[in-house]
Amino acid sequence: MSGFFGLRKDVLGKGLKAISPIGYKVALEIFVKCQIKSYEEVAFNFAPRTIGESKLTGKVIVHYLKHLRMLYDFSFGTLFYVIIALLVIIAFYVLHKVLALIL
């Protein structure tokens, strides 16, 4: 989600009061909070960097993951945490069964 994006005023109005983007992923925030279901893309290619360096650091990645968690909370509420807990329980169950077969 890089570059320019545009949308109709009525679409933005659906979630304008809920939008509180952190970081630089404003489009992601708008997509989630304005409940955008369909969109068109115009592809473009980045040229190799000739000056400067990437701003992508570990801190930026952690910030992005926090933002994703916030958006999941907004979209799914506690259901997200229930699903994660169930997946963890299933993973431990499967791991337990696999280890029982091996040992």
C-alpha atoms as a PDB file:
ATOM      1  CA  MET A   1       0.000   0.000   0.000  1.00  0.00           C
ATOM      2  CA  SER A   2       2.349   2.644  -1.228  1.00  0.00           C
ATOM      3  CA  GLY A   3       1.868   5.766  -3.223  1.00  0.00           C
ATOM      4  CA  PHE A   4      -1.243   7.754  -3.980  1.00  0.00           C
ATOM      5  CA  PHE A   5      -4.743   6.607  -3.136  1.00  0.00           C
ATOM      6  CA  GLY A   6      -8.074   8.298  -3.633  1.00  0.00           C
ATOM      7  CA  LEU A   7     -11.644   7.630  -2.616  1.00  0.00           C
ATOM      8  CA  ARG A   8     -15.026   9.260  -2.719  1.00  0.00           C
ATOM      9  CA  LYS A   9     -16.011  11.654   0.067  1.00  0.00           C
ATOM     10  CA  ASP A  10     -19.023   9.517   1.055  1.00  0.00           C
ATOM     11  CA  VAL A  11     -16.779   6.462   1.507  1.00  0.00           C
ATOM     12  CA  LEU A  12     -14.360   8.409   3.685  1.00  0.00           C
ATOM     13  CA  GLY A  13     -17.307   9.732   5.680  1.00  0.00           C
ATOM     14  CA  LYS A  14     -18.245   6.194   6.810  1.00  0.00           C
ATOM     15  CA  GLY A  15     -15.268   5.946   9.112  1.00  0.00           C
ATOM     16  CA  LEU A  16     -13.869   9.449   9.370  1.00  0.00           C
ATOM     17  CA  LYS A  17     -14.580   9.800  13.103  1.00  0.00           C
ATOM     18  CA  ALA A  18     -12.951   6.427  13.852  1.00  0.00           C
ATOM     19  CA  ILE A  19      -9.764   7.086  11.884  1.00  0.00           C
ATOM     20  CA  SER A  20      -6.718   7.636  14.074  1.00  0.00           C
ATOM     21  CA  PRO A  21      -3.767   6.385  12.037  1.00  0.00           C
ATOM     22  CA  ILE A  22      -0.438   5.736  13.642  1.00  0.00           C
ATOM     23  CA  GLY A  23       2.669   5.499  11.539  1.00  0.00           C
ATOM     24  CA  TYR A  24       2.513   5.825   7.798  1.00  0.00           C
ATOM     25  CA  LYS A  25      -0.112   3.214   6.858  1.00  0.00           C
ATOM     26  CA  VAL A  26      -2.989   5.675   6.540  1.00  0.00           C
ATOM     27  CA  ALA A  27      -4.505   3.798   3.589  1.00  0.00           C
ATOM     28  CA  LEU A  28      -4.694   0.595   5.633  1.00  0.00           C
ATOM     29  CA  GLU A  29      -6.484   2.468   8.417  1.00  0.00           C
ATOM     30  CA  ILE A  30      -8.969   3.971   5.951  1.00  0.00           C
ATOM     31  CA  PHE A  31      -9.625   0.614   4.265  1.00  0.00           C
ATOM     32  CA  VAL A  32     -10.508  -1.015   7.586  1.00  0.00           C
ATOM     33  CA  LYS A  33     -12.423   1.769   9.288  1.00  0.00           C
ATOM     34  CA  CYS A  34     -14.362   2.889   6.207  1.00  0.00           C
ATOM     35  CA  GLN A  35     -15.176  -0.755   5.410  1.00  0.00           C
ATOM     36  CA  ILE A  36     -13.875  -0.616   1.852  1.00  0.00           C
ATOM     37  CA  LYS A  37     -14.676  -3.944   0.204  1.00  0.00           C
ATOM     38  CA  SER A  38     -13.640  -3.377  -3.402  1.00  0.00           C
ATOM     39  CA  TYR A  39     -10.949  -1.263  -4.973  1.00  0.00           C
ATOM     40  CA  GLU A  40      -8.909  -0.804  -8.131  1.00  0.00           C
ATOM     41  CA  GLU A  41      -5.133  -0.802  -8.244  1.00  0.00           C
ATOM     42  CA  VAL A  42      -2.734   0.898 -10.595  1.00  0.00           C
ATOM     43  CA  ALA A  43       0.581  -0.929 -10.535  1.00  0.00           C
ATOM     44  CA  PHE A  44       3.888   0.850 -10.397  1.00  0.00           C
ATOM     45  CA  ASN A  45       7.473  -0.232  -9.841  1.00  0.00           C
ATOM     46  CA  PHE A  46       9.972   1.267  -7.469  1.00  0.00           C
ATOM     47  CA  ALA A  47      13.344   2.131  -8.911  1.00  0.00           C
ATOM     48  CA  PRO A  48      16.433   0.925  -7.076  1.00  0.00           C
ATOM     49  CA  ARG A  49      17.379   3.320  -4.275  1.00  0.00           C
ATOM     50  CA  THR A  50      20.271   5.537  -5.332  1.00  0.00           C
ATOM     51  CA  ILE A  51      20.342   8.024  -2.436  1.00  0.00           C
ATOM     52  CA  GLY A  52      19.669   7.538   1.249  1.00  0.00           C
ATOM     53  CA  GLU A  53      18.642   4.385   3.031  1.00  0.00           C
ATOM     54  CA  SER A  54      15.502   2.561   4.025  1.00  0.00           C
ATOM     55  CA  LYS A  55      13.563   3.830   7.027  1.00  0.00           C
ATOM     56  CA  LEU A  56      12.388   0.296   7.794  1.00  0.00           C
ATOM     57  CA  THR A  57      13.772  -0.567  11.218  1.00  0.00           C
ATOM     58  CA  GLY A  58      12.801  -3.001  13.940  1.00  0.00           C
ATOM     59  CA  LYS A  59      10.968  -0.175  15.690  1.00  0.00           C
ATOM     60  CA  VAL A  60       8.907   0.533  12.558  1.00  0.00           C
ATOM     61  CA  ILE A  61       8.001  -3.162  12.266  1.00  0.00           C
ATOM     62  CA  VAL A  62       6.872  -3.300  15.914  1.00  0.00           C
ATOM     63  CA  HIS A  63       4.868  -0.102  15.378  1.00  0.00           C
ATOM     64  CA  TYR A  64       3.201  -1.672  12.324  1.00  0.00           C
ATOM     65  CA  LEU A  65       2.322  -4.852  14.244  1.00  0.00           C
ATOM     66  CA  LYS A  66       0.757  -2.749  17.013  1.00  0.00           C
ATOM     67  CA  HIS A  67      -1.247  -0.921  14.366  1.00  0.00           C
ATOM     68  CA  LEU A  68      -2.451  -4.227  12.916  1.00  0.00           C
ATOM     69  CA  ARG A  69      -3.523  -5.384  16.374  1.00  0.00           C
ATOM     70  CA  MET A  70      -5.463  -2.142  16.817  1.00  0.00           C
ATOM     71  CA  LEU A  71      -7.230  -2.674  13.495  1.00  0.00           C
ATOM     72  CA  TYR A  72      -8.086  -6.291  14.367  1.00  0.00           C
ATOM     73  CA  ASP A  73      -9.531  -5.045  17.667  1.00  0.00           C
ATOM     74  CA  PHE A  74     -11.611  -2.499  15.772  1.00  0.00           C
ATOM     75  CA  SER A  75     -12.884  -5.055  13.260  1.00  0.00           C
ATOM     76  CA  PHE A  76     -13.391  -8.145  15.408  1.00  0.00           C
ATOM     77  CA  GLY A  77     -13.262  -7.069  19.065  1.00  0.00           C
ATOM     78  CA  THR A  78     -12.793  -9.908  21.530  1.00  0.00           C
ATOM     79  CA  LEU A  79     -13.596 -12.489  18.852  1.00  0.00           C
ATOM     80  CA  PHE A  80     -10.036 -12.027  17.556  1.00  0.00           C
ATOM     81  CA  TYR A  81      -8.575 -13.002  20.941  1.00  0.00           C
ATOM     82  CA  VAL A  82     -10.908 -15.980  21.289  1.00  0.00           C
ATOM     83  CA  ILE A  83      -9.794 -17.267  17.880  1.00  0.00           C
ATOM     84  CA  ILE A  84      -6.115 -16.747  18.742  1.00  0.00           C
ATOM     85  CA  ALA A  85      -6.571 -18.589  22.060  1.00  0.00           C
ATOM     86  CA  LEU A  86      -8.289 -21.496  20.280  1.00  0.00           C
ATOM     87  CA  LEU A  87      -5.507 -21.682  17.698  1.00  0.00           C
ATOM     88  CA  VAL A  88      -2.877 -21.749  20.439  1.00  0.00           C
ATOM     89  CA  ILE A  89      -4.749 -24.540  22.267  1.00  0.00           C
ATOM     90  CA  ILE A  90      -5.059 -26.557  19.047  1.00  0.00           C
ATOM     91  CA  ALA A  91      -1.359 -26.013  18.276  1.00  0.00           C
ATOM     92  CA  PHE A  92      -0.337 -27.276  21.730  1.00  0.00           C
ATOM     93  CA  TYR A  93      -2.675 -30.269  21.378  1.00  0.00           C
ATOM     94  CA  VAL A  94      -1.202 -31.194  17.995  1.00  0.00           C
ATOM     95  CA  LEU A  95       2.333 -30.682  19.309  1.00  0.00           C
ATOM     96  CA  HIS A  96       1.549 -32.919  22.294  1.00  0.00           C
ATOM     97  CA  LYS A  97       0.222 -35.689  19.991  1.00  0.00           C
ATOM     98  CA  VAL A  98       3.202 -35.441  17.649  1.00  0.00           C
ATOM     99  CA  LEU A  99       5.673 -35.591  20.521  1.00  0.00           C
ATOM    100  CA  ALA A 100       3.817 -38.583  21.983  1.00  0.00           C
ATOM    101  CA  LEU A 101       4.241 -40.421  18.664  1.00  0.00           C
ATOM    102  CA  ILE A 102       7.932 -39.549  18.417  1.00  0.00           C
ATOM    103  CA  LEU A 103       8.870 -40.359  21.992  1.00  0.00           C
END
